[in-house]
Protein backbone atom coordinates (compact mmCIF):
# COMPACT_ATOMS: atom_id res chain seq x y z
CA MET A 1 -0.13 0.16 0.11
CA PRO A 2 2.66 2.57 0.92
CA GLU A 3 4.55 1.35 -2.49
CA TYR A 4 1.24 2.22 -4.38
CA PHE A 5 0.76 5.51 -2.60
CA THR A 6 4.49 6.58 -3.55
CA VAL A 7 3.89 5.97 -6.95
CA PHE A 8 0.76 7.80 -6.94
CA GLN A 9 2.22 10.73 -5.60
CA THR A 10 5.16 10.76 -8.01
CA TYR A 11 2.67 10.86 -10.88
CA PHE A 12 0.50 13.39 -9.28
CA SER A 13 3.28 15.51 -8.68
CA PHE A 14 4.45 15.28 -12.42
CA PHE A 15 0.71 16.12 -13.28
CA LEU A 16 0.72 19.12 -11.29
CA ASN A 17 4.08 20.28 -12.55
CA ILE A 18 2.77 19.85 -16.25
CA VAL A 19 -0.18 22.02 -15.36
CA ASN A 20 1.52 24.80 -13.67
CA PHE A 21 3.91 24.83 -16.62
CA ILE A 22 1.16 25.11 -19.06
CA ALA A 23 -0.48 27.78 -16.89
CA ILE A 24 2.83 29.63 -16.67
CA LEU A 25 3.17 29.58 -20.64
CA SER A 26 -0.55 30.64 -20.74
CA SER A 27 -0.14 33.48 -18.72
CA ILE A 28 2.80 34.66 -20.64
CA PHE A 29 1.42 34.38 -23.97
CA MET A 30 -1.91 36.23 -22.83
CA PHE A 31 0.21 38.82 -21.23
CA PHE A 32 2.25 39.42 -24.60
CA PHE A 33 -1.06 39.05 -26.50
CA PHE A 34 -2.59 41.74 -24.57
CA MET A 35 0.60 44.18 -24.24
CA LEU A 36 1.39 43.80 -28.13
CA ASN A 37 -1.93 44.22 -29.74
CA LYS A 38 -3.11 47.28 -31.69
CA PHE A 39 -5.09 48.76 -28.77
CA SER A 40 -2.35 48.57 -26.35
CA LYS A 41 -0.20 50.14 -28.56
CA ALA A 42 -2.94 53.02 -29.05
CA LEU A 43 -3.31 53.49 -25.78
CA LYS A 44 0.54 53.84 -24.97
CA HIS A 45 1.13 55.87 -28.02
CA ILE A 46 -1.94 58.37 -27.21
CA LEU A 47 -2.15 58.22 -23.61
CA ALA A 48 1.35 57.28 -22.24
CA SER A 49 2.91 60.84 -22.03
CA TYR A 50 -0.28 62.03 -19.72
CA GLY A 51 0.73 59.65 -16.92
CA PHE A 52 -1.20 56.57 -18.12
CA GLY A 53 1.19 53.60 -17.20
CA LEU A 54 1.15 49.96 -17.19
CA PHE A 55 -1.21 49.18 -14.40
CA PRO A 56 -3.84 51.19 -15.70
CA ARG A 57 -3.28 50.06 -19.44
CA ILE A 58 -3.54 46.38 -18.13
CA LYS A 59 -7.02 47.12 -16.58
CA VAL A 60 -8.25 48.66 -19.60
CA LEU A 61 -7.10 45.86 -21.93
CA PHE A 62 -8.93 43.49 -19.51
CA LEU A 63 -11.98 45.80 -19.51
CA CYS A 64 -12.42 46.73 -23.28
CA ARG A 65 -11.19 43.05 -24.66
CA LYS A 66 -14.41 42.23 -26.27
CA SER A 67 -15.22 45.31 -28.12
CA SER A 68 -13.66 47.47 -30.70
CA VAL A 69 -16.19 50.38 -30.12
CA MET A 70 -15.67 50.12 -26.38
CA LYS A 71 -11.59 50.40 -27.05
CA ARG A 72 -12.02 53.69 -28.90
CA ALA A 73 -14.64 54.78 -26.61
CA PHE A 74 -12.58 54.68 -23.73
CA ILE A 75 -9.84 56.62 -25.51
CA GLU A 76 -11.90 59.29 -26.46
CA TYR A 77 -13.67 59.56 -22.96
CA SER A 78 -10.03 59.74 -21.40
CA MET A 79 -9.25 62.82 -23.73
CA LEU A 80 -12.00 64.60 -22.84
CA LYS A 81 -11.78 63.67 -19.07
CA SER A 82 -7.98 64.80 -19.12
CA GLN A 83 -8.09 67.68 -21.60
CA GLY A 84 -4.71 66.75 -22.48
CA TYR A 85 -3.32 67.38 -19.20
CA GLY A 86 -1.30 64.90 -17.48
CA LYS A 87 -2.89 62.77 -14.65
CA THR A 88 -1.48 60.60 -11.64
CA SER A 89 -1.99 56.82 -11.71
CA SER A 90 -4.91 57.19 -9.08
CA GLU A 91 -6.55 59.84 -11.33
CA TRP A 92 -6.25 57.43 -14.10
CA HIS A 93 -7.82 54.39 -12.14
CA SER A 94 -10.64 56.83 -10.98
CA ILE A 95 -11.05 57.84 -14.99
CA ILE A 96 -11.28 54.01 -15.48
CA ASN A 97 -14.06 53.32 -13.09
CA GLU A 98 -15.99 56.45 -14.27
CA PHE A 99 -15.80 55.11 -17.82
CA LYS A 100 -16.85 51.60 -17.06
CA ALA A 101 -19.83 53.24 -15.17
CA PHE A 102 -20.62 55.62 -18.15
CA TYR A 103 -20.24 52.75 -20.64
CA ASP A 104 -22.65 50.65 -18.64
CA VAL A 105 -25.48 53.18 -18.76
CA ASN A 106 -24.83 54.69 -22.16
CA GLU A 107 -23.67 51.72 -24.46
CA LYS A 108 -26.16 52.19 -26.78
CA SER A 109 -25.96 55.88 -27.15
CA LEU A 110 -22.58 56.89 -26.27
CA ILE A 111 -23.83 60.35 -25.61
CA TYR A 112 -21.17 62.33 -23.59
CA PRO A 113 -22.44 65.61 -22.22
CA ILE A 114 -20.21 68.82 -21.99
CA PRO A 115 -21.25 72.22 -20.37
CA ASN A 116 -20.22 74.39 -23.41
CA CYS A 117 -17.65 74.51 -26.41
CA THR A 118 -14.79 75.57 -24.14
CA VAL A 119 -14.06 72.06 -23.43
CA LEU A 120 -13.13 71.38 -27.04
CA ILE A 121 -10.94 74.22 -27.78
CA GLY A 122 -8.21 74.23 -25.50
CA GLU A 123 -4.68 74.18 -26.92
CA GLU A 124 -3.63 70.73 -24.77
CA PHE A 125 -7.00 69.27 -26.02
CA SER A 126 -6.00 70.02 -29.64
CA VAL A 127 -2.53 68.36 -29.25
CA ILE A 128 -4.01 65.06 -27.97
CA THR A 129 -6.83 65.13 -30.56
CA GLU A 130 -4.13 65.37 -33.38
CA ARG A 131 -2.51 62.73 -31.90
CA TYR A 132 -5.52 60.39 -31.57
CA PHE A 133 -6.27 61.15 -35.24
CA ASN A 134 -2.83 60.62 -36.48
CA TYR A 135 -2.55 57.33 -35.01
CA PHE A 136 -5.97 56.10 -36.08
CA SER A 137 -5.07 57.19 -39.78
CA ILE A 138 -2.71 54.19 -39.96
CA PRO A 139 -4.03 51.99 -42.14
CA LYS A 140 -3.12 48.88 -40.03
CA VAL A 141 -4.72 50.46 -37.37
CA ASN A 142 -7.87 51.39 -39.52
CA LYS A 143 -8.35 47.84 -40.25
CA ALA A 144 -7.37 46.21 -36.74
CA PHE A 145 -10.51 48.59 -35.41
CA GLY A 146 -12.77 47.66 -38.10
CA ILE A 147 -12.91 51.57 -39.45
CA SER A 148 -13.96 51.73 -43.01
CA ASP A 149 -14.54 55.45 -43.18
CA ASN A 150 -11.44 57.50 -44.08
CA ARG A 151 -13.02 60.47 -41.92
CA ILE A 152 -12.49 58.60 -38.77
CA PRO A 153 -15.57 59.54 -36.93
CA TRP A 154 -15.54 59.59 -33.12
CA VAL A 155 -17.50 56.86 -31.41
CA LEU A 156 -18.66 59.13 -28.69
CA LYS A 157 -21.37 61.54 -29.57
CA ILE A 158 -20.81 64.83 -27.84
CA GLN A 159 -23.73 66.68 -26.55
CA ILE A 160 -23.11 70.48 -25.98
CA ASP A 161 -25.68 71.66 -22.91
CA GLU A 162 -25.11 75.28 -23.74
CA ALA A 163 -23.88 77.17 -27.09
CA TYR A 164 -24.26 80.29 -29.07
CA VAL A 165 -24.69 80.70 -32.60
CA THR A 166 -22.31 83.33 -34.33
CA PRO A 167 -21.16 83.78 -37.97
CA ALA A 168 -17.29 82.62 -37.07
CA CYS A 169 -15.00 79.95 -37.64
CA LEU A 170 -13.17 79.55 -34.41
CA LEU A 171 -9.46 79.40 -34.95
CA SER A 172 -6.59 78.54 -32.56
CA GLY A 173 -5.20 81.97 -30.83
CA LEU A 174 -5.55 83.51 -27.36
CA LEU A 175 -8.95 82.17 -26.66
CA SER A 176 -7.59 78.79 -26.71
CA LYS A 177 -4.75 79.89 -24.31
CA PHE A 178 -7.14 81.15 -21.85
CA GLU A 179 -9.54 78.90 -22.11
CA GLU A 180 -12.18 79.54 -19.19
CA ASN A 181 -9.56 81.94 -17.44
CA TRP A 182 -11.70 85.24 -18.56
CA SER A 183 -11.10 86.86 -15.22
CA GLU A 184 -7.43 87.25 -15.98
CA PHE A 185 -7.83 88.37 -19.47
CA ILE A 186 -10.37 91.03 -18.23
CA LYS A 187 -8.59 92.14 -15.56
CA ARG A 188 -5.88 92.86 -17.79
CA TYR A 189 -8.22 94.84 -20.10
CA VAL A 190 -9.84 96.70 -17.38
CA SER A 191 -6.26 97.84 -15.77
CA THR A 192 -4.84 98.85 -19.33
CA ALA A 193 -8.14 100.95 -19.98
CA TYR A 194 -7.84 102.79 -16.78
CA ILE A 195 -4.30 103.70 -17.32
CA ALA A 196 -5.49 104.75 -20.84
CA GLU A 197 -8.25 106.85 -19.48
CA ILE A 198 -5.87 108.70 -17.03
CA ASP A 199 -3.35 109.14 -19.83
CA GLU A 200 -6.19 110.74 -22.05
CA ASP A 201 -7.14 113.26 -19.24
CA MET A 202 -3.71 114.41 -18.52
CA ASP A 203 -2.34 114.51 -22.06
CA GLU A 204 -3.31 117.83 -23.26
CA ASN A 205 -2.30 117.27 -26.97
CA LYS A 206 -3.83 113.68 -26.74
CA SER A 207 -1.74 112.50 -29.55
CA ASN A 208 0.07 110.03 -27.64
CA SER A 209 -3.09 108.68 -25.93
CA ILE A 210 -4.43 105.65 -26.39
CA LEU A 211 -7.96 105.57 -27.30
CA THR A 212 -10.22 103.26 -25.05
CA ASN A 213 -12.53 102.29 -27.80
CA GLU A 214 -9.55 101.41 -30.09
CA LEU A 215 -8.25 99.37 -26.88
CA TYR A 216 -11.46 97.51 -26.82
CA TYR A 217 -11.49 96.63 -30.56
CA THR A 218 -7.54 95.55 -30.36
CA PHE A 219 -8.59 93.11 -27.04
CA ALA A 220 -11.70 91.95 -28.92
CA TRP A 221 -9.61 91.14 -32.03
CA LEU A 222 -6.87 89.45 -30.49
CA LEU A 223 -9.55 87.14 -28.62
CA TRP A 224 -12.11 86.79 -31.36
CA GLY A 225 -10.87 88.57 -34.35
CA PRO A 226 -8.99 85.81 -36.31
CA SER A 227 -12.20 83.88 -36.01
CA TYR A 228 -14.61 86.38 -37.75
CA GLU A 229 -16.11 85.05 -41.14
CA THR A 230 -15.31 86.99 -43.89
CA GLY A 231 -18.45 87.73 -46.07
CA TYR A 232 -18.83 87.44 -49.89
CA LEU A 233 -20.87 89.18 -52.56
C-alpha cells in the first residue's frame, strides 16, 4: 500500500508540474498578446505621455477586450476627461472606473455631455486630439479596429448643453490659451483701459494717448478677431 501511494504521489506531482508549466506559458502568452496588440499600442501612443502607465493599461485591456467600439470609446472618454493634461496613476484609475459606469449606462447611445464648447478648444486638448487622429489614420490600425471610413468619426457623440450661434469659424489663438480663465484677460483689459483713460485726461495734446475704444477693438480682435468669418458678395 505505501508503495502504491508513493507511485501515485510521484505521478500526481508530475501532473501538477505539467499543469503549472502550461498555466505559466498561457499567462505569458496572454500577457504579450494583450500588451502587443493594436489597442495596447494605441493606449501607449496616445495616453502614455499623460501619465497613463502600465497598470492602468492592463486594467483597460481586460475591461475593453471584447469590443472595438468600447476600446475607442475609452480613449475618447479619457481625452475629454483629461483635457490633454497629465494625470496621476490614481486619477487614471478613477477615470477608468468612471468610464465603466458611463459605458454601462450609455452603451447604446454613447452620448457624452459637456457644459459648453470651451471644453473642446483648449490647446492641450487639440494636441491630444491630433495625436489620436494621426494614430488612427494608419491603415493597419484602421483595419484592426474595423474602421472603414477615411474620415475616422468619433465613437462618442458629444452633447453640448449650452452654446451660442455666431457667424464665426473658431481658430486657435488667445481664446484657446485662456480657455475659461476669463477673469485674467478681463483684469488686464480693465487695468490697461484705466491707465489709458488717465493718460488721455492728463495729456493735453492727446496725440500719444491710447483711445479706449481702439483698445477695446484690439483686445476683442486678439481674442475673437481671427475667427471672424469673411462675407462674400
